């Protein structure tokens, strides 16, 4: 990340690197990311890292299941969501640019099923780094059942 002039910019960039360094899987990490982003956005002047921090805060609240905090983040930093990035903005998780607004809109419209679907897709992207597969749930269960049968056959053969 390129460091520009000003101590507050350096602090925001350090916080961004801190947020990126947290492991992805734990609830403790998500809580820390949400608190860190909240504090940074509340106390520091907003620079080219602020959009990323707002998206990461919203993502953390969504993954924690805190819908009210997610919507509060959406309402407070609405101007950061749904617009194009400038060249100087740091934003490695570009899928969040579409995911967070879509989740907020479905939640505002009261579509819990659609929100849960988008949340599953977000979790999948975080776990695999790829897009959500368009495979029906029953096909996944059938595949897992087949693997289980294969493992049983191997164990029984020994």
Protein backbone atom coordinates (compact mmCIF):
# COMPACT_ATOMS: atom_id res chain seq x y z
CA UNK A 1 0.00 0.00 0.00
CA UNK A 2 1.38 3.42 -0.91
CA UNK A 3 1.82 5.76 2.05
CA UNK A 4 0.69 9.32 1.41
CA UNK A 5 1.29 12.39 3.51
CA UNK A 6 -0.19 12.84 6.95
CA UNK A 7 -0.12 10.83 10.17
CA UNK A 8 -3.86 10.07 10.09
CA UNK A 9 -3.48 8.52 6.64
CA UNK A 10 -0.64 6.34 7.92
CA UNK A 11 -2.78 5.29 10.88
CA UNK A 12 -5.73 4.40 8.61
CA UNK A 13 -3.42 2.36 6.39
CA UNK A 14 -1.95 0.58 9.41
CA UNK A 15 -5.46 -0.23 10.64
CA UNK A 16 -6.37 -1.56 7.20
CA UNK A 17 -3.33 -3.84 7.26
CA UNK A 18 -4.26 -4.89 10.81
CA UNK A 19 -7.80 -5.80 9.67
CA UNK A 20 -6.39 -7.81 6.75
CA UNK A 21 -4.03 -9.70 9.05
CA UNK A 22 -6.78 -11.23 11.21
CA UNK A 23 -7.58 -14.88 10.52
CA UNK A 24 -10.85 -15.32 8.68
CA UNK A 25 -12.58 -18.15 10.50
CA UNK A 26 -13.12 -17.24 14.13
CA UNK A 27 -15.90 -15.34 15.84
CA UNK A 28 -13.28 -13.54 17.93
CA UNK A 29 -11.57 -12.30 14.76
CA UNK A 30 -14.87 -11.04 13.32
CA UNK A 31 -15.64 -9.19 16.56
CA UNK A 32 -12.20 -7.60 16.53
CA UNK A 33 -12.54 -6.58 12.87
CA UNK A 34 -15.97 -5.05 13.51
CA UNK A 35 -14.76 -3.08 16.57
CA UNK A 36 -11.55 -1.96 14.89
CA UNK A 37 -13.34 -0.73 11.77
CA UNK A 38 -16.01 0.98 13.86
CA UNK A 39 -13.42 2.82 15.97
CA UNK A 40 -11.29 3.78 12.96
CA UNK A 41 -14.26 5.14 11.02
CA UNK A 42 -15.52 7.04 14.07
CA UNK A 43 -12.22 8.60 15.11
CA UNK A 44 -10.05 9.05 12.03
CA UNK A 45 -10.47 11.40 9.07
CA UNK A 46 -11.80 9.45 6.12
CA UNK A 47 -9.31 8.79 3.35
CA UNK A 48 -8.99 6.18 0.62
CA UNK A 49 -9.10 3.33 3.20
CA UNK A 50 -12.48 4.33 4.67
CA UNK A 51 -14.62 2.61 2.02
CA UNK A 52 -12.77 -0.66 2.59
CA UNK A 53 -13.12 -0.37 6.39
CA UNK A 54 -16.87 0.33 6.08
CA UNK A 55 -17.34 -2.75 3.89
CA UNK A 56 -15.27 -4.93 6.23
CA UNK A 57 -17.26 -3.70 9.23
CA UNK A 58 -20.55 -4.51 7.48
CA UNK A 59 -19.22 -7.91 6.41
CA UNK A 60 -18.13 -8.75 9.96
CA UNK A 61 -21.52 -7.81 11.41
CA UNK A 62 -23.33 -9.84 8.75
CA UNK A 63 -21.17 -12.90 9.41
CA UNK A 64 -21.70 -12.51 13.15
CA UNK A 65 -25.46 -12.53 12.58
CA UNK A 66 -25.88 -8.99 13.93
CA UNK A 67 -28.46 -7.66 11.48
CA UNK A 68 -29.12 -4.41 13.38
CA UNK A 69 -25.41 -3.55 13.53
CA UNK A 70 -25.10 -4.45 9.84
CA UNK A 71 -27.97 -2.12 8.92
CA UNK A 72 -26.60 0.61 11.20
CA UNK A 73 -23.27 0.40 9.34
CA UNK A 74 -25.16 0.53 6.06
CA UNK A 75 -27.12 3.61 7.12
CA UNK A 76 -24.15 5.44 8.66
CA UNK A 77 -21.75 4.93 5.76
CA UNK A 78 -24.25 4.63 2.90
CA UNK A 79 -22.17 6.98 0.72
CA UNK A 80 -19.36 4.37 0.67
CA UNK A 81 -21.56 1.57 -0.65
CA UNK A 82 -22.59 0.99 -4.23
CA UNK A 83 -20.26 3.38 -6.06
CA UNK A 84 -17.15 2.84 -8.14
CA UNK A 85 -13.66 2.84 -6.70
CA UNK A 86 -11.20 5.56 -7.50
CA UNK A 87 -7.70 4.56 -8.61
CA UNK A 88 -6.12 5.41 -5.25
CA UNK A 89 -8.57 3.39 -3.15
CA UNK A 90 -7.28 0.20 -1.58
CA UNK A 91 -9.86 -2.57 -1.85
CA UNK A 92 -8.73 -6.21 -2.10
CA UNK A 93 -12.16 -7.83 -1.48
CA UNK A 94 -13.94 -6.37 -4.51
CA UNK A 95 -16.85 -8.83 -4.24
CA UNK A 96 -18.00 -6.86 -1.18
CA UNK A 97 -18.78 -3.88 -3.43
CA UNK A 98 -21.76 -5.84 -4.78
CA UNK A 99 -22.45 -8.19 -1.85
CA UNK A 100 -23.00 -5.63 0.92
CA UNK A 101 -25.50 -3.42 -0.98
CA UNK A 102 -27.42 -6.50 -2.16
CA UNK A 103 -27.62 -7.85 1.39
CA UNK A 104 -28.73 -4.50 2.79
CA UNK A 105 -31.45 -4.09 0.16
CA UNK A 106 -32.86 -7.59 0.73
CA UNK A 107 -32.82 -7.09 4.48
CA UNK A 108 -34.59 -3.71 4.16
CA UNK A 109 -37.22 -5.30 1.92
CA UNK A 110 -37.85 -8.00 4.52
CA UNK A 111 -36.68 -10.88 2.33
CA UNK A 112 -35.05 -13.06 4.97
CA UNK A 113 -34.68 -16.05 2.64
CA UNK A 114 -32.82 -13.99 0.03
CA UNK A 115 -30.65 -12.41 2.75
CA UNK A 116 -29.70 -15.86 4.07
CA UNK A 117 -28.85 -16.97 0.52
CA UNK A 118 -26.57 -13.96 0.03
CA UNK A 119 -25.00 -14.60 3.43
CA UNK A 120 -24.27 -18.24 2.47
CA UNK A 121 -22.64 -16.99 -0.74
CA UNK A 122 -20.54 -14.53 1.26
CA UNK A 123 -19.42 -17.28 3.64
CA UNK A 124 -18.56 -19.51 0.69
CA UNK A 125 -16.45 -16.77 -0.94
CA UNK A 126 -14.60 -16.19 2.33
CA UNK A 127 -13.91 -19.90 2.77
CA UNK A 128 -12.91 -20.71 -0.80
CA UNK A 129 -11.97 -17.42 -2.39
CA UNK A 130 -14.26 -18.24 -5.30
CA UNK A 131 -17.81 -17.74 -6.42
CA UNK A 132 -20.70 -19.64 -4.95
CA UNK A 133 -21.45 -22.85 -6.88
CA UNK A 134 -24.82 -23.08 -8.55
CA UNK A 135 -25.37 -26.65 -7.35
CA UNK A 136 -28.65 -27.73 -5.76
CA UNK A 137 -28.47 -28.76 -2.11
CA UNK A 138 -29.67 -32.27 -2.89
CA UNK A 139 -26.78 -32.80 -5.33
CA UNK A 140 -24.29 -31.85 -2.62
CA UNK A 141 -25.96 -34.29 -0.19
CA UNK A 142 -25.91 -37.02 -2.85
CA UNK A 143 -22.21 -36.40 -3.42
CA UNK A 144 -21.47 -36.54 0.32
CA UNK A 145 -23.51 -39.75 0.64
CA UNK A 146 -21.46 -41.28 -2.19
CA UNK A 147 -18.20 -40.32 -0.48
CA UNK A 148 -19.47 -41.82 2.79
CA UNK A 149 -20.34 -45.08 1.00
CA UNK A 150 -16.88 -45.14 -0.57
CA UNK A 151 -15.20 -44.64 2.83
CA UNK A 152 -17.36 -47.41 4.33
CA UNK A 153 -16.37 -49.79 1.54
CA UNK A 154 -12.68 -49.07 2.11
CA UNK A 155 -13.00 -49.52 5.88
CA UNK A 156 -14.98 -52.79 5.48
CA UNK A 157 -12.37 -54.13 3.04
CA UNK A 158 -9.64 -53.78 5.63
